[in-house]
Amino acid sequence: MPTIVVEVMPKPEILDPQGKAIANALPHLGFTGFSSVRQGKRFELTVDGEVTEELLESARTAAAEMLSNPVIEDVVSVTVAEDL
């Protein structure tokens, strides 16, 4: 079945304490070369049938109105996944 993937990230001006904690932990676990981390959210919406432009628009609306908090988050992308 097709899947629509919605990715949401904190707005750049919003502090990201989870991302900062991950960034601080990476070198202690042997992962070097990363200067910062931002943690976001990913939603996978499984579709019954074909993904139409109307259905994609509905997913974009759901992403903007329900899956994200527009005060502190940006919807980065709404795409159709090839294979999950």
N, C-alpha and C. Protein backbone atom coordinates (compact mmCIF):
# COMPACT_ATOMS: atom_id res chain seq x y z
N MET A 1 0.84 -1.19 0.00
CA MET A 1 0.00 0.00 0.00
C MET A 1 0.87 1.25 0.00
N PRO A 2 0.47 2.28 -0.73
CA PRO A 2 1.25 3.52 -0.75
C PRO A 2 1.26 4.20 0.62
N THR A 3 2.31 4.96 0.87
CA THR A 3 2.45 5.67 2.13
C THR A 3 2.83 7.12 1.85
N ILE A 4 2.15 8.04 2.52
CA ILE A 4 2.50 9.45 2.48
C ILE A 4 3.31 9.74 3.73
N VAL A 5 4.49 10.35 3.56
CA VAL A 5 5.37 10.65 4.68
C VAL A 5 5.34 12.15 4.94
N VAL A 6 5.07 12.52 6.20
CA VAL A 6 5.06 13.92 6.63
C VAL A 6 6.22 14.10 7.60
N GLU A 7 7.08 15.08 7.32
CA GLU A 7 8.20 15.38 8.21
C GLU A 7 8.02 16.78 8.80
N VAL A 8 8.17 16.86 10.12
CA VAL A 8 7.96 18.09 10.88
C VAL A 8 9.22 18.37 11.70
N MET A 9 9.67 19.61 11.69
CA MET A 9 10.86 20.00 12.46
C MET A 9 10.56 21.24 13.29
N PRO A 10 11.28 21.40 14.42
CA PRO A 10 11.12 22.64 15.19
C PRO A 10 11.57 23.83 14.33
N LYS A 11 10.91 24.96 14.51
CA LYS A 11 11.32 26.17 13.81
C LYS A 11 12.76 26.50 14.22
N PRO A 12 13.55 27.11 13.32
CA PRO A 12 14.96 27.38 13.63
C PRO A 12 15.17 28.20 14.91
N GLU A 13 14.25 29.10 15.21
CA GLU A 13 14.41 29.97 16.38
C GLU A 13 13.99 29.29 17.70
N ILE A 14 13.45 28.09 17.61
CA ILE A 14 13.01 27.36 18.80
C ILE A 14 14.15 26.49 19.32
N LEU A 15 14.40 26.56 20.62
CA LEU A 15 15.40 25.70 21.23
C LEU A 15 14.98 24.24 21.09
N ASP A 16 15.97 23.37 20.93
CA ASP A 16 15.70 21.94 20.76
C ASP A 16 16.52 21.17 21.80
N PRO A 17 16.00 21.05 23.03
CA PRO A 17 16.78 20.38 24.08
C PRO A 17 17.07 18.91 23.79
N GLN A 18 16.17 18.22 23.12
CA GLN A 18 16.43 16.82 22.77
C GLN A 18 17.57 16.72 21.77
N GLY A 19 17.56 17.59 20.77
CA GLY A 19 18.64 17.62 19.79
C GLY A 19 19.97 17.94 20.45
N LYS A 20 19.97 18.89 21.38
CA LYS A 20 21.19 19.26 22.08
C LYS A 20 21.72 18.09 22.91
N ALA A 21 20.83 17.37 23.59
CA ALA A 21 21.24 16.21 24.38
C ALA A 21 21.85 15.12 23.50
N ILE A 22 21.26 14.91 22.33
CA ILE A 22 21.79 13.92 21.39
C ILE A 22 23.17 14.36 20.91
N ALA A 23 23.30 15.64 20.54
CA ALA A 23 24.58 16.17 20.06
C ALA A 23 25.67 16.01 21.12
N ASN A 24 25.32 16.23 22.37
CA ASN A 24 26.30 16.09 23.45
C ASN A 24 26.67 14.64 23.69
N ALA A 25 25.76 13.72 23.45
CA ALA A 25 26.01 12.29 23.69
C ALA A 25 26.81 11.63 22.58
N LEU A 26 26.69 12.12 21.35
CA LEU A 26 27.33 11.47 20.21
C LEU A 26 28.84 11.26 20.39
N PRO A 27 29.62 12.28 20.79
CA PRO A 27 31.07 12.06 20.93
C PRO A 27 31.40 11.03 22.01
N HIS A 28 30.60 10.97 23.07
CA HIS A 28 30.83 10.01 24.14
C HIS A 28 30.60 8.57 23.66
N LEU A 29 29.84 8.43 22.60
CA LEU A 29 29.56 7.10 22.05
C LEU A 29 30.44 6.79 20.83
N GLY A 30 31.39 7.68 20.57
CA GLY A 30 32.34 7.43 19.49
C GLY A 30 31.96 8.03 18.15
N PHE A 31 30.89 8.81 18.10
CA PHE A 31 30.45 9.44 16.85
C PHE A 31 30.93 10.89 16.84
N THR A 32 31.92 11.19 16.02
CA THR A 32 32.49 12.53 16.00
C THR A 32 32.22 13.20 14.66
N GLY A 33 32.46 14.51 14.64
CA GLY A 33 32.32 15.27 13.41
C GLY A 33 30.97 15.93 13.24
N PHE A 34 30.09 15.79 14.22
CA PHE A 34 28.76 16.41 14.13
C PHE A 34 28.73 17.62 15.05
N SER A 35 28.35 18.77 14.52
CA SER A 35 28.36 20.00 15.32
C SER A 35 27.03 20.28 15.99
N SER A 36 25.92 19.78 15.44
CA SER A 36 24.62 20.00 16.08
C SER A 36 23.62 18.96 15.58
N VAL A 37 22.54 18.84 16.33
CA VAL A 37 21.46 17.91 15.99
C VAL A 37 20.14 18.63 16.23
N ARG A 38 19.19 18.47 15.32
CA ARG A 38 17.81 18.93 15.53
C ARG A 38 16.93 17.70 15.40
N GLN A 39 16.06 17.50 16.37
CA GLN A 39 15.19 16.33 16.34
C GLN A 39 13.79 16.75 15.91
N GLY A 40 13.24 16.00 14.96
CA GLY A 40 11.90 16.28 14.46
C GLY A 40 10.99 15.09 14.59
N LYS A 41 9.90 15.15 13.84
CA LYS A 41 8.91 14.06 13.84
C LYS A 41 8.65 13.60 12.42
N ARG A 42 8.36 12.32 12.28
CA ARG A 42 8.00 11.74 10.98
C ARG A 42 6.70 10.96 11.16
N PHE A 43 5.75 11.23 10.28
CA PHE A 43 4.47 10.53 10.29
C PHE A 43 4.35 9.75 8.98
N GLU A 44 3.88 8.51 9.05
CA GLU A 44 3.64 7.70 7.86
C GLU A 44 2.16 7.41 7.77
N LEU A 45 1.53 7.93 6.73
CA LEU A 45 0.10 7.78 6.51
C LEU A 45 -0.12 6.75 5.42
N THR A 46 -0.60 5.57 5.79
CA THR A 46 -0.84 4.51 4.82
C THR A 46 -2.15 4.80 4.08
N VAL A 47 -2.10 4.62 2.78
CA VAL A 47 -3.22 4.98 1.91
C VAL A 47 -3.89 3.72 1.37
N ASP A 48 -5.21 3.70 1.41
CA ASP A 48 -5.98 2.64 0.75
C ASP A 48 -6.20 3.07 -0.68
N GLY A 49 -5.57 2.38 -1.61
CA GLY A 49 -5.74 2.74 -3.02
C GLY A 49 -4.65 3.65 -3.52
N GLU A 50 -4.97 4.42 -4.54
CA GLU A 50 -4.01 5.28 -5.23
C GLU A 50 -3.87 6.62 -4.53
N VAL A 51 -2.65 7.17 -4.55
CA VAL A 51 -2.42 8.51 -4.01
C VAL A 51 -2.75 9.52 -5.11
N THR A 52 -3.80 10.29 -4.89
CA THR A 52 -4.21 11.32 -5.84
C THR A 52 -3.73 12.68 -5.34
N GLU A 53 -3.78 13.66 -6.22
CA GLU A 53 -3.40 15.02 -5.82
C GLU A 53 -4.34 15.52 -4.72
N GLU A 54 -5.61 15.13 -4.79
CA GLU A 54 -6.58 15.52 -3.76
C GLU A 54 -6.20 14.92 -2.40
N LEU A 55 -5.77 13.67 -2.40
CA LEU A 55 -5.36 13.01 -1.16
C LEU A 55 -4.08 13.64 -0.61
N LEU A 56 -3.14 13.98 -1.49
CA LEU A 56 -1.92 14.66 -1.06
C LEU A 56 -2.24 16.01 -0.44
N GLU A 57 -3.15 16.73 -1.03
CA GLU A 57 -3.57 18.02 -0.48
C GLU A 57 -4.21 17.85 0.89
N SER A 58 -4.99 16.80 1.05
CA SER A 58 -5.60 16.49 2.34
C SER A 58 -4.52 16.19 3.38
N ALA A 59 -3.48 15.46 2.98
CA ALA A 59 -2.37 15.16 3.89
C ALA A 59 -1.63 16.45 4.26
N ARG A 60 -1.45 17.35 3.31
CA ARG A 60 -0.80 18.64 3.60
C ARG A 60 -1.61 19.44 4.61
N THR A 61 -2.92 19.43 4.44
CA THR A 61 -3.79 20.15 5.37
C THR A 61 -3.72 19.52 6.76
N ALA A 62 -3.78 18.19 6.83
CA ALA A 62 -3.67 17.50 8.13
C ALA A 62 -2.32 17.81 8.78
N ALA A 63 -1.26 17.85 7.98
CA ALA A 63 0.07 18.14 8.51
C ALA A 63 0.12 19.53 9.12
N ALA A 64 -0.47 20.49 8.44
CA ALA A 64 -0.44 21.88 8.91
C ALA A 64 -1.37 22.11 10.09
N GLU A 65 -2.50 21.43 10.12
CA GLU A 65 -3.51 21.71 11.15
C GLU A 65 -3.50 20.75 12.32
N MET A 66 -3.00 19.52 12.14
CA MET A 66 -3.11 18.54 13.21
C MET A 66 -1.78 17.89 13.60
N LEU A 67 -0.94 17.59 12.62
CA LEU A 67 0.29 16.85 12.90
C LEU A 67 1.42 17.75 13.38
N SER A 68 1.27 19.04 13.22
CA SER A 68 2.30 19.98 13.67
C SER A 68 1.68 21.08 14.51
N ASN A 69 2.54 21.70 15.32
CA ASN A 69 2.13 22.87 16.08
C ASN A 69 2.74 24.07 15.35
N PRO A 70 1.93 24.83 14.60
CA PRO A 70 2.47 25.89 13.75
C PRO A 70 3.18 27.00 14.52
N VAL A 71 2.99 27.08 15.81
CA VAL A 71 3.66 28.10 16.60
C VAL A 71 5.15 27.77 16.74
N ILE A 72 5.47 26.48 16.88
CA ILE A 72 6.86 26.10 17.15
C ILE A 72 7.45 25.13 16.12
N GLU A 73 6.65 24.67 15.15
CA GLU A 73 7.13 23.67 14.20
C GLU A 73 6.80 24.08 12.76
N ASP A 74 7.64 23.59 11.85
CA ASP A 74 7.41 23.75 10.41
C ASP A 74 7.17 22.38 9.80
N VAL A 75 6.23 22.29 8.87
CA VAL A 75 6.08 21.07 8.07
C VAL A 75 7.15 21.17 6.98
N VAL A 76 8.11 20.26 7.02
CA VAL A 76 9.25 20.30 6.11
C VAL A 76 8.89 19.67 4.77
N SER A 77 8.19 18.53 4.81
CA SER A 77 7.82 17.88 3.56
C SER A 77 6.62 16.98 3.73
N VAL A 78 5.89 16.82 2.64
CA VAL A 78 4.80 15.86 2.53
C VAL A 78 5.04 15.16 1.19
N THR A 79 5.48 13.89 1.25
CA THR A 79 5.86 13.18 0.04
C THR A 79 5.27 11.78 0.03
N VAL A 80 5.27 11.19 -1.14
CA VAL A 80 4.86 9.79 -1.28
C VAL A 80 6.11 8.93 -1.22
N ALA A 81 6.14 7.97 -0.31
CA ALA A 81 7.29 7.07 -0.17
C ALA A 81 7.24 6.01 -1.24
N GLU A 82 8.38 5.73 -1.81
CA GLU A 82 8.46 4.70 -2.85
C GLU A 82 8.19 3.32 -2.25
N ASP A 83 9.04 2.89 -1.34
CA ASP A 83 8.87 1.59 -0.69
C ASP A 83 9.31 1.72 0.75
N LEU A 84 8.48 1.29 1.66
CA LEU A 84 8.85 1.29 3.09
C LEU A 84 8.89 -0.12 3.61
